[in-house]
Amino acid sequence: MIIYNVTVNIDESIHDDWLVWIKEHIPQVLATGKFEKATLTRVLVEEEMGGRTYSIQYRSYSREALEAYYREDAEKLRSDGYKRFADKVLAFRTELEVLDEYTVNFT
């Protein structure tokens, strides 16, 4: 499994609008059929540049599904955010390969 992680720093001046927008955007990304779920988190470290930072982790079904997302969907889905928020948002993307997962069983 591949996690497609998008880390975004949001300028305070557009924070509330962006938060509403991202909660509408994530279901649109999931609707592409390339991801099984997404998690929206707030990064709890204060950035020197200010603003607030979030991480959206999309769990892709496979490397092939993620590549299909890049080819077929990414540009269109990203463009709305670029148009709306321009230079008030700084984003970077990383890909993470899940090697193993562990849980605690209290039985």
C-alpha atoms as a PDB file:
ATOM      1  CA  MET A   1       0.000   0.000   0.000  1.00  0.00           C
ATOM      2  CA  ILE A   2       1.144   3.530  -0.784  1.00  0.00           C
ATOM      3  CA  ILE A   3       0.250   6.605   1.275  1.00  0.00           C
ATOM      4  CA  TYR A   4       0.113   9.792  -0.749  1.00  0.00           C
ATOM      5  CA  ASN A   5       0.802  12.511   1.814  1.00  0.00           C
ATOM      6  CA  VAL A   6       0.073  16.174   1.146  1.00  0.00           C
ATOM      7  CA  THR A   7       1.471  18.583   3.751  1.00  0.00           C
ATOM      8  CA  VAL A   8       0.028  22.077   3.504  1.00  0.00           C
ATOM      9  CA  ASN A   9       0.888  25.307   5.310  1.00  0.00           C
ATOM     10  CA  ILE A  10      -2.063  27.708   5.331  1.00  0.00           C
ATOM     11  CA  ASP A  11      -1.837  31.459   5.794  1.00  0.00           C
ATOM     12  CA  GLU A  12      -4.019  32.618   8.705  1.00  0.00           C
ATOM     13  CA  SER A  13      -5.901  35.041   6.416  1.00  0.00           C
ATOM     14  CA  ILE A  14      -7.542  32.186   4.469  1.00  0.00           C
ATOM     15  CA  HIS A  15      -7.443  29.410   7.067  1.00  0.00           C
ATOM     16  CA  ASP A  16     -11.181  29.088   7.735  1.00  0.00           C
ATOM     17  CA  ASP A  17     -12.086  29.174   4.020  1.00  0.00           C
ATOM     18  CA  TRP A  18      -9.391  26.626   3.214  1.00  0.00           C
ATOM     19  CA  LEU A  19     -10.583  24.265   5.953  1.00  0.00           C
ATOM     20  CA  VAL A  20     -14.123  24.301   4.533  1.00  0.00           C
ATOM     21  CA  TRP A  21     -12.718  23.786   1.031  1.00  0.00           C
ATOM     22  CA  ILE A  22     -10.418  20.868   1.939  1.00  0.00           C
ATOM     23  CA  LYS A  23     -13.290  19.018   3.626  1.00  0.00           C
ATOM     24  CA  GLU A  24     -15.134  19.226   0.286  1.00  0.00           C
ATOM     25  CA  HIS A  25     -11.998  18.486  -1.758  1.00  0.00           C
ATOM     26  CA  ILE A  26     -11.019  15.242  -0.002  1.00  0.00           C
ATOM     27  CA  PRO A  27     -14.247  13.424  -0.990  1.00  0.00           C
ATOM     28  CA  GLN A  28     -13.630  14.526  -4.596  1.00  0.00           C
ATOM     29  CA  VAL A  29     -10.187  12.927  -4.519  1.00  0.00           C
ATOM     30  CA  LEU A  30     -11.658   9.741  -3.028  1.00  0.00           C
ATOM     31  CA  ALA A  31     -14.344   9.728  -5.733  1.00  0.00           C
ATOM     32  CA  THR A  32     -11.618   9.082  -8.339  1.00  0.00           C
ATOM     33  CA  GLY A  33     -11.570   5.482  -7.109  1.00  0.00           C
ATOM     34  CA  LYS A  34      -7.787   5.477  -6.665  1.00  0.00           C
ATOM     35  CA  PHE A  35      -7.776   5.677  -2.860  1.00  0.00           C
ATOM     36  CA  GLU A  36      -9.481   3.648  -0.154  1.00  0.00           C
ATOM     37  CA  LYS A  37      -9.525   6.361   2.521  1.00  0.00           C
ATOM     38  CA  ALA A  38      -8.062   9.662   3.625  1.00  0.00           C
ATOM     39  CA  THR A  39      -7.064  11.149   6.961  1.00  0.00           C
ATOM     40  CA  LEU A  40      -6.928  14.900   7.629  1.00  0.00           C
ATOM     41  CA  THR A  41      -4.582  15.856  10.473  1.00  0.00           C
ATOM     42  CA  ARG A  42      -3.280  19.066  11.975  1.00  0.00           C
ATOM     43  CA  VAL A  43       0.487  19.225  12.442  1.00  0.00           C
ATOM     44  CA  LEU A  44       1.200  20.116  16.075  1.00  0.00           C
ATOM     45  CA  VAL A  45       4.506  21.871  15.448  1.00  0.00           C
ATOM     46  CA  GLU A  46       4.560  25.642  15.084  1.00  0.00           C
ATOM     47  CA  GLU A  47       6.207  26.718  11.856  1.00  0.00           C
ATOM     48  CA  GLU A  48       8.705  29.564  11.839  1.00  0.00           C
ATOM     49  CA  MET A  49       6.961  30.955   8.763  1.00  0.00           C
ATOM     50  CA  GLY A  50       3.664  31.121  10.679  1.00  0.00           C
ATOM     51  CA  GLY A  51       0.305  29.873   9.509  1.00  0.00           C
ATOM     52  CA  ARG A  52      -1.152  26.493  10.303  1.00  0.00           C
ATOM     53  CA  THR A  53       0.012  23.207   8.878  1.00  0.00           C
ATOM     54  CA  TYR A  54      -2.065  20.163   7.961  1.00  0.00           C
ATOM     55  CA  SER A  55      -1.340  16.749   6.514  1.00  0.00           C
ATOM     56  CA  ILE A  56      -3.779  14.836   4.339  1.00  0.00           C
ATOM     57  CA  GLN A  57      -2.889  11.162   3.989  1.00  0.00           C
ATOM     58  CA  TYR A  58      -4.580   9.334   1.129  1.00  0.00           C
ATOM     59  CA  ARG A  59      -4.236   5.538   1.200  1.00  0.00           C
ATOM     60  CA  SER A  60      -3.891   4.346  -2.359  1.00  0.00           C
ATOM     61  CA  TYR A  61      -4.805   0.822  -3.377  1.00  0.00           C
ATOM     62  CA  SER A  62      -1.462   0.396  -5.182  1.00  0.00           C
ATOM     63  CA  ARG A  63       1.415   2.154  -6.925  1.00  0.00           C
ATOM     64  CA  GLU A  64      -0.502   1.694 -10.193  1.00  0.00           C
ATOM     65  CA  ALA A  65      -3.600   3.378  -8.751  1.00  0.00           C
ATOM     66  CA  LEU A  66      -1.519   6.331  -7.569  1.00  0.00           C
ATOM     67  CA  GLU A  67       0.146   6.663 -10.975  1.00  0.00           C
ATOM     68  CA  ALA A  68      -3.303   6.619 -12.592  1.00  0.00           C
ATOM     69  CA  TYR A  69      -4.377   9.402 -10.226  1.00  0.00           C
ATOM     70  CA  TYR A  70      -1.385  11.501 -11.313  1.00  0.00           C
ATOM     71  CA  ARG A  71      -2.172  10.905 -15.015  1.00  0.00           C
ATOM     72  CA  GLU A  72      -5.950  11.227 -14.928  1.00  0.00           C
ATOM     73  CA  ASP A  73      -7.008  13.396 -11.989  1.00  0.00           C
ATOM     74  CA  ALA A  74      -4.320  15.303 -10.093  1.00  0.00           C
ATOM     75  CA  GLU A  75      -3.955  18.376 -12.302  1.00  0.00           C
ATOM     76  CA  LYS A  76      -7.694  19.027 -12.477  1.00  0.00           C
ATOM     77  CA  LEU A  77      -8.235  18.536  -8.738  1.00  0.00           C
ATOM     78  CA  ARG A  78      -5.254  20.669  -7.739  1.00  0.00           C
ATOM     79  CA  SER A  79      -6.145  23.573 -10.023  1.00  0.00           C
ATOM     80  CA  ASP A  80      -9.202  24.655  -8.013  1.00  0.00           C
ATOM     81  CA  GLY A  81      -7.123  25.075  -4.865  1.00  0.00           C
ATOM     82  CA  TYR A  82      -4.434  26.979  -6.755  1.00  0.00           C
ATOM     83  CA  LYS A  83      -7.017  29.337  -8.235  1.00  0.00           C
ATOM     84  CA  ARG A  84      -8.791  29.962  -4.936  1.00  0.00           C
ATOM     85  CA  PHE A  85      -5.854  30.326  -2.579  1.00  0.00           C
ATOM     86  CA  ALA A  86      -2.872  31.161  -4.840  1.00  0.00           C
ATOM     87  CA  ASP A  87       0.189  32.098  -2.796  1.00  0.00           C
ATOM     88  CA  LYS A  88      -1.547  31.770   0.599  1.00  0.00           C
ATOM     89  CA  VAL A  89      -0.961  28.006   0.582  1.00  0.00           C
ATOM     90  CA  LEU A  90       2.335  26.155   0.441  1.00  0.00           C
ATOM     91  CA  ALA A  91       2.046  22.418  -0.250  1.00  0.00           C
ATOM     92  CA  PHE A  92       4.477  19.562  -0.697  1.00  0.00           C
ATOM     93  CA  ARG A  93       3.747  15.967  -1.470  1.00  0.00           C
ATOM     94  CA  THR A  94       5.447  12.735  -0.439  1.00  0.00           C
ATOM     95  CA  GLU A  95       4.811   9.089  -1.147  1.00  0.00           C
ATOM     96  CA  LEU A  96       5.135   6.574   1.672  1.00  0.00           C
ATOM     97  CA  GLU A  97       5.243   2.818   1.263  1.00  0.00           C
ATOM     98  CA  VAL A  98       3.572   0.883   4.068  1.00  0.00           C
ATOM     99  CA  LEU A  99       5.913  -1.961   4.957  1.00  0.00           C
ATOM    100  CA  ASP A 100       4.029  -3.346   7.934  1.00  0.00           C
ATOM    101  CA  GLU A 101       1.353  -2.327  10.419  1.00  0.00           C
ATOM    102  CA  TYR A 102       1.107  -3.187  14.093  1.00  0.00           C
ATOM    103  CA  THR A 103      -1.712  -3.062  16.591  1.00  0.00           C
ATOM    104  CA  VAL A 104      -2.063  -3.691  20.293  1.00  0.00           C
ATOM    105  CA  ASN A 105      -4.403  -6.439  21.440  1.00  0.00           C
ATOM    106  CA  PHE A 106      -5.619  -6.165  25.024  1.00  0.00           C
ATOM    107  CA  THR A 107      -7.034  -9.656  25.476  1.00  0.00           C
END
